[in-house]
Amino acid sequence: MAVADLTPPAGAPAKVRPGLPLIWNHRATDLTLGAGAVLGVLGLWEALSRTGVLDTQVFPAASTVLTELWRLLGTGAFWEDLWATLSSALAGLALVVVIGTVAAMLIGLIRFVENSTWVVVEFLKPIPPIALIPLGLLLWGPSPTMKVTLITFGALWPFLTQMVYGIRQTNNVALDMASSYRLGWWLTTTRIVVPTLLPYALTGLRISASIAVIVSVVTELIGGATGIGQTIAVAQINNALPTMYAYVLTAGLLGVAINLVFQALEKPLLFWHPSQRGDTN
């Protein structure tokens, strides 16, 4: 029986092997689609406002809001409000990392701590931090302390949950092998424990960062603390709707910026992970 000649003819284009990562193309496509969607929404908003479908007394045209946002970028008050919101979110997030890491180690490694705290954790997780704003105002007033406390309370649970899952996923066989080879505490932690925990920690931290920004803006909006939320409330009261929407867009852009920062951090920190190497199997 003759064997078929599988050699491609001269000049034929080489076939791409299945599974070959095309991360750059995928990301470029995602960015293009995302930018196109944003421009489409802005264009639709502009058209509906200009044609009278949307009441401009309630929904100013997108061009008006963007012009106001551009004007605000040149004012010091805008950057002060932005920093007040962002600094509180970062402070709360730092406390989340410290408290969440210690608590996750205790819960994940000590069975007695896990059994004695799971009811408390499950009870506190569903409580929205917004519901604690009246208590925060009674204790600290509309101050940064009130904001940071509520941010820490609201953003703690996703990070804590992910860290506990990560600790439980640590390979016991690998730990036993490290003990048999006497690798020591440092090598065991850096080569086995940290690589296992890091993807879970970054996932939890990304979710917690988004919650931290949301809680920061809401506490300013309702509780009267200084920041983006307070300016939104003041602009709404004064019927300065372009300013109000400009600050709302700023809050959204802040969330997008945080997501991009975490994507940038994942590349060097998780270079070995399949999600960054483009593995499909």
Protein backbone atom coordinates (compact mmCIF):
# COMPACT_ATOMS: atom_id res chain seq x y z
CA MET A 1 0.00 0.00 0.00
CA ALA A 2 1.39 3.33 -1.06
CA VAL A 3 2.15 5.88 1.61
CA ALA A 4 0.69 9.32 0.98
CA ASP A 5 3.18 12.14 0.66
CA LEU A 6 2.37 14.60 3.45
CA THR A 7 5.10 17.07 2.53
CA PRO A 8 3.54 20.47 1.73
CA PRO A 9 4.24 21.76 -1.79
CA ALA A 10 6.91 24.38 -2.26
CA GLY A 11 5.71 27.89 -1.63
CA ALA A 12 2.64 26.79 0.35
CA PRO A 13 2.02 28.78 3.55
CA ALA A 14 2.97 27.02 6.74
CA LYS A 15 0.09 25.92 8.91
CA VAL A 16 -0.11 27.21 12.46
CA ARG A 17 0.02 24.39 14.98
CA PRO A 18 -3.10 23.96 17.11
CA GLY A 19 -2.71 25.48 20.51
CA LEU A 20 -0.11 28.02 19.45
CA PRO A 21 -0.77 31.06 21.65
CA LEU A 22 -1.90 34.21 19.90
CA ILE A 23 -2.17 36.29 23.05
CA TRP A 24 -1.23 39.56 21.38
CA ASN A 25 -3.83 39.19 18.65
CA HIS A 26 -6.53 38.26 21.14
CA ARG A 27 -5.76 41.17 23.41
CA ALA A 28 -5.58 43.62 20.52
CA THR A 29 -8.96 42.38 19.33
CA ASP A 30 -10.41 42.71 22.83
CA LEU A 31 -9.11 46.27 23.14
CA THR A 32 -10.52 47.18 19.74
CA LEU A 33 -13.92 45.72 20.54
CA GLY A 34 -13.95 47.39 23.95
CA ALA A 35 -13.05 50.80 22.53
CA GLY A 36 -15.63 50.37 19.79
CA ALA A 37 -18.33 49.53 22.32
CA VAL A 38 -17.51 52.62 24.38
CA LEU A 39 -17.59 54.87 21.32
CA GLY A 40 -20.85 53.29 20.25
CA VAL A 41 -22.49 53.93 23.62
CA LEU A 42 -21.28 57.54 23.64
CA GLY A 43 -22.51 58.04 20.09
CA LEU A 44 -25.92 56.60 20.95
CA TRP A 45 -26.11 58.78 24.05
CA GLU A 46 -25.25 61.86 21.99
CA ALA A 47 -27.81 61.02 19.29
CA LEU A 48 -30.63 60.34 21.75
CA SER A 49 -29.94 63.60 23.58
CA ARG A 50 -29.68 65.70 20.41
CA THR A 51 -32.88 64.26 18.92
CA GLY A 52 -34.87 64.86 22.09
CA VAL A 53 -35.47 61.21 22.94
CA LEU A 54 -33.61 61.84 26.20
CA ASP A 55 -34.54 64.93 28.18
CA THR A 56 -31.43 67.11 28.24
CA GLN A 57 -32.59 68.52 31.56
CA VAL A 58 -31.92 65.07 33.00
CA PHE A 59 -29.43 63.56 30.53
CA PRO A 60 -27.11 66.20 29.04
CA ALA A 61 -25.47 65.30 25.75
CA ALA A 62 -22.36 63.14 25.93
CA SER A 63 -20.31 65.90 24.30
CA THR A 64 -21.40 68.34 27.02
CA VAL A 65 -20.39 65.93 29.78
CA LEU A 66 -17.04 65.14 28.16
CA THR A 67 -16.33 68.84 27.69
CA GLU A 68 -17.07 69.43 31.37
CA LEU A 69 -14.83 66.53 32.33
CA TRP A 70 -12.01 68.01 30.25
CA ARG A 71 -12.49 71.35 32.02
CA LEU A 72 -12.44 69.67 35.44
CA LEU A 73 -9.14 67.99 34.64
CA GLY A 74 -7.51 71.43 34.78
CA THR A 75 -8.82 72.26 38.25
CA GLY A 76 -7.16 71.44 41.54
CA ALA A 77 -10.47 70.59 43.22
CA PHE A 78 -11.02 67.69 40.84
CA TRP A 79 -7.69 66.07 41.68
CA GLU A 80 -8.23 66.66 45.40
CA ASP A 81 -11.56 64.84 45.22
CA LEU A 82 -10.03 62.03 43.19
CA TRP A 83 -7.16 61.60 45.64
CA ALA A 84 -9.54 61.66 48.63
CA THR A 85 -11.49 58.76 47.13
CA LEU A 86 -8.48 56.83 45.88
CA SER A 87 -6.36 57.24 49.04
CA SER A 88 -9.18 55.94 51.23
CA ALA A 89 -9.67 52.96 48.93
CA LEU A 90 -5.93 52.18 48.97
CA ALA A 91 -5.72 52.51 52.75
CA GLY A 92 -8.67 50.17 53.20
CA LEU A 93 -7.18 47.74 50.68
CA ALA A 94 -3.87 47.68 52.57
CA LEU A 95 -5.72 46.78 55.76
CA VAL A 96 -7.62 44.09 53.85
CA VAL A 97 -4.34 42.48 52.76
CA VAL A 98 -2.90 42.48 56.29
CA ILE A 99 -6.05 41.34 58.10
CA GLY A 100 -7.10 38.92 55.37
CA THR A 101 -3.70 37.23 55.11
CA VAL A 102 -3.38 36.65 58.85
CA ALA A 103 -7.00 35.50 59.22
CA ALA A 104 -6.75 33.18 56.20
CA MET A 105 -3.60 31.55 57.57
CA LEU A 106 -5.28 30.91 60.89
CA ILE A 107 -8.54 29.66 59.37
CA GLY A 108 -6.89 27.55 56.68
CA LEU A 109 -4.22 25.94 58.82
CA ILE A 110 -5.84 25.53 62.24
CA ARG A 111 -9.00 23.42 62.35
CA PHE A 112 -10.11 24.82 65.71
CA VAL A 113 -10.02 28.39 64.38
CA GLU A 114 -11.97 27.37 61.29
CA ASN A 115 -14.68 25.62 63.29
CA SER A 116 -15.03 28.47 65.75
CA THR A 117 -15.12 31.34 63.25
CA TRP A 118 -17.08 30.12 60.22
CA VAL A 119 -20.44 31.12 61.71
CA VAL A 120 -19.16 34.64 62.42
CA VAL A 121 -17.66 34.98 58.94
CA GLU A 122 -20.82 33.74 57.21
CA PHE A 123 -22.89 36.10 59.34
CA LEU A 124 -20.81 39.18 58.56
CA LYS A 125 -20.24 38.60 54.82
CA PRO A 126 -23.80 39.40 53.65
CA ILE A 127 -23.99 42.66 55.64
CA PRO A 128 -23.56 45.55 53.15
CA PRO A 129 -21.14 48.21 54.39
CA ILE A 130 -23.69 50.84 53.34
CA ALA A 131 -25.94 49.64 56.16
CA LEU A 132 -23.17 50.54 58.62
CA ILE A 133 -22.85 54.16 57.46
CA PRO A 134 -25.14 55.47 60.27
CA LEU A 135 -22.99 53.66 62.83
CA GLY A 136 -19.81 55.00 61.24
CA LEU A 137 -21.17 58.54 61.32
CA LEU A 138 -22.06 58.18 64.99
CA LEU A 139 -18.58 56.91 65.86
CA TRP A 140 -16.31 59.02 63.61
CA GLY A 141 -18.49 61.46 61.67
CA PRO A 142 -17.90 62.13 57.94
CA SER A 143 -14.17 61.52 58.24
CA PRO A 144 -11.54 59.44 56.42
CA THR A 145 -11.55 57.05 59.39
CA MET A 146 -15.20 56.28 58.77
CA LYS A 147 -14.53 55.64 55.08
CA VAL A 148 -11.50 53.43 55.62
CA THR A 149 -13.30 51.35 58.26
CA LEU A 150 -16.30 50.68 56.04
CA ILE A 151 -14.07 50.02 53.02
CA THR A 152 -12.07 47.47 55.00
CA PHE A 153 -15.24 45.76 56.21
CA GLY A 154 -16.77 45.57 52.75
CA ALA A 155 -13.67 44.57 50.80
CA LEU A 156 -12.29 42.02 53.27
CA TRP A 157 -14.48 39.04 52.44
CA PRO A 158 -13.56 38.32 48.79
CA PHE A 159 -9.86 38.45 49.59
CA LEU A 160 -10.25 36.33 52.74
CA THR A 161 -12.33 33.71 50.91
CA GLN A 162 -9.86 33.42 48.04
CA MET A 163 -6.91 33.15 50.40
CA VAL A 164 -8.56 30.36 52.38
CA TYR A 165 -9.28 28.46 49.14
CA GLY A 166 -5.70 28.94 48.06
CA ILE A 167 -4.33 27.57 51.31
CA ARG A 168 -6.58 24.52 51.03
CA GLN A 169 -5.35 23.90 47.47
CA THR A 170 -1.72 23.67 48.54
CA ASN A 171 -0.36 20.30 47.40
CA ASN A 172 0.30 18.17 50.49
CA VAL A 173 2.41 15.75 48.46
CA ALA A 174 4.68 18.61 47.40
CA LEU A 175 4.93 19.77 51.00
CA ASP A 176 5.84 16.26 52.18
CA MET A 177 8.47 16.02 49.44
CA ALA A 178 9.91 19.38 50.48
CA SER A 179 10.08 18.14 54.05
CA SER A 180 11.75 14.89 52.97
CA TYR A 181 14.38 16.78 51.01
CA ARG A 182 14.77 19.25 53.86
CA LEU A 183 14.29 22.29 51.69
CA GLY A 184 13.69 24.49 54.69
CA TRP A 185 10.99 27.03 55.46
CA TRP A 186 12.13 29.66 52.97
CA LEU A 187 12.36 27.41 49.90
CA THR A 188 9.13 25.62 50.79
CA THR A 189 7.29 28.92 51.13
CA THR A 190 8.70 30.57 48.00
CA ARG A 191 8.62 27.49 45.73
CA ILE A 192 5.41 25.76 46.80
CA VAL A 193 3.16 27.85 49.04
CA VAL A 194 3.45 31.26 47.37
CA PRO A 195 2.98 29.99 43.77
CA THR A 196 -0.18 28.19 44.91
CA LEU A 197 -1.58 31.16 46.81
CA LEU A 198 -0.67 33.93 44.40
CA PRO A 199 -3.36 33.37 41.72
CA TYR A 200 -6.05 33.17 44.41
CA ALA A 201 -4.68 36.23 46.21
CA LEU A 202 -4.60 38.36 43.05
CA THR A 203 -8.13 37.32 42.10
CA GLY A 204 -9.44 38.18 45.54
CA LEU A 205 -7.49 41.44 45.60
CA ARG A 206 -8.88 42.53 42.23
CA ILE A 207 -12.45 41.97 43.44
CA SER A 208 -11.71 43.68 46.75
CA ALA A 209 -10.18 46.68 44.95
CA SER A 210 -13.35 47.23 42.94
CA ILE A 211 -15.47 46.95 46.08
CA ALA A 212 -13.15 49.38 47.88
CA VAL A 213 -13.73 52.06 45.22
CA ILE A 214 -17.49 51.47 45.26
CA VAL A 215 -17.72 51.71 49.05
CA SER A 216 -15.50 54.79 49.09
CA VAL A 217 -17.74 56.64 46.60
CA VAL A 218 -20.95 55.52 48.30
CA THR A 219 -19.80 56.57 51.78
CA GLU A 220 -18.92 59.98 50.34
CA LEU A 221 -22.25 60.20 48.54
CA ILE A 222 -24.39 59.22 51.54
CA GLY A 223 -22.16 59.92 54.50
CA GLY A 224 -20.83 63.29 53.32
CA ALA A 225 -17.12 62.48 53.46
CA THR A 226 -14.82 64.38 51.14
CA GLY A 227 -14.31 62.88 47.69
CA ILE A 228 -15.95 62.10 44.36
CA GLY A 229 -19.21 60.98 45.95
CA GLN A 230 -19.67 64.17 47.95
CA THR A 231 -19.09 66.30 44.83
CA ILE A 232 -21.66 64.23 42.91
CA ALA A 233 -24.23 64.91 45.64
CA VAL A 234 -23.43 68.64 45.74
CA ALA A 235 -23.63 68.92 41.94
CA GLN A 236 -26.98 67.13 41.93
CA ILE A 237 -28.38 69.47 44.57
CA ASN A 238 -27.18 72.52 42.60
CA ASN A 239 -28.57 71.09 39.34
CA ALA A 240 -25.08 71.08 37.81
CA LEU A 241 -25.82 67.93 35.83
CA PRO A 242 -22.80 68.03 33.46
CA THR A 243 -20.51 68.20 36.49
CA MET A 244 -22.42 65.40 38.19
CA TYR A 245 -22.16 63.10 35.17
CA ALA A 246 -18.50 64.04 34.68
CA TYR A 247 -17.73 62.81 38.19
CA VAL A 248 -19.82 59.67 37.62
CA LEU A 249 -17.69 58.95 34.53
CA THR A 250 -14.59 59.58 36.63
CA ALA A 251 -15.67 56.91 39.10
CA GLY A 252 -16.17 54.47 36.23
CA LEU A 253 -12.79 55.33 34.71
CA LEU A 254 -11.19 54.79 38.11
CA GLY A 255 -12.59 51.26 38.17
CA VAL A 256 -11.24 50.60 34.66
CA ALA A 257 -7.81 51.94 35.68
CA ILE A 258 -7.70 49.61 38.69
CA ASN A 259 -8.53 46.64 36.49
CA LEU A 260 -5.75 47.58 34.05
CA VAL A 261 -3.27 47.90 36.91
CA PHE A 262 -4.04 44.39 38.10
CA GLN A 263 -3.73 43.05 34.56
CA ALA A 264 -0.29 44.65 34.36
CA LEU A 265 0.70 43.11 37.70
CA GLU A 266 -0.42 39.64 36.67
CA LYS A 267 2.04 39.47 33.78
CA PRO A 268 5.27 39.59 35.83
CA LEU A 269 3.85 37.89 38.94
CA LEU A 270 2.10 35.02 37.16
CA PHE A 271 4.42 34.57 34.17
CA TRP A 272 4.52 30.84 34.88
CA HIS A 273 0.72 30.45 35.08
CA PRO A 274 -1.16 28.92 32.09
CA SER A 275 -3.39 31.99 31.85
CA GLN A 276 -0.34 34.16 31.09
CA ARG A 277 1.54 31.63 28.95
CA GLY A 278 -1.43 31.15 26.66
CA ASP A 279 -1.81 27.42 27.31
CA THR A 280 -5.05 26.05 25.92
CA ASN A 281 -4.86 22.58 27.42
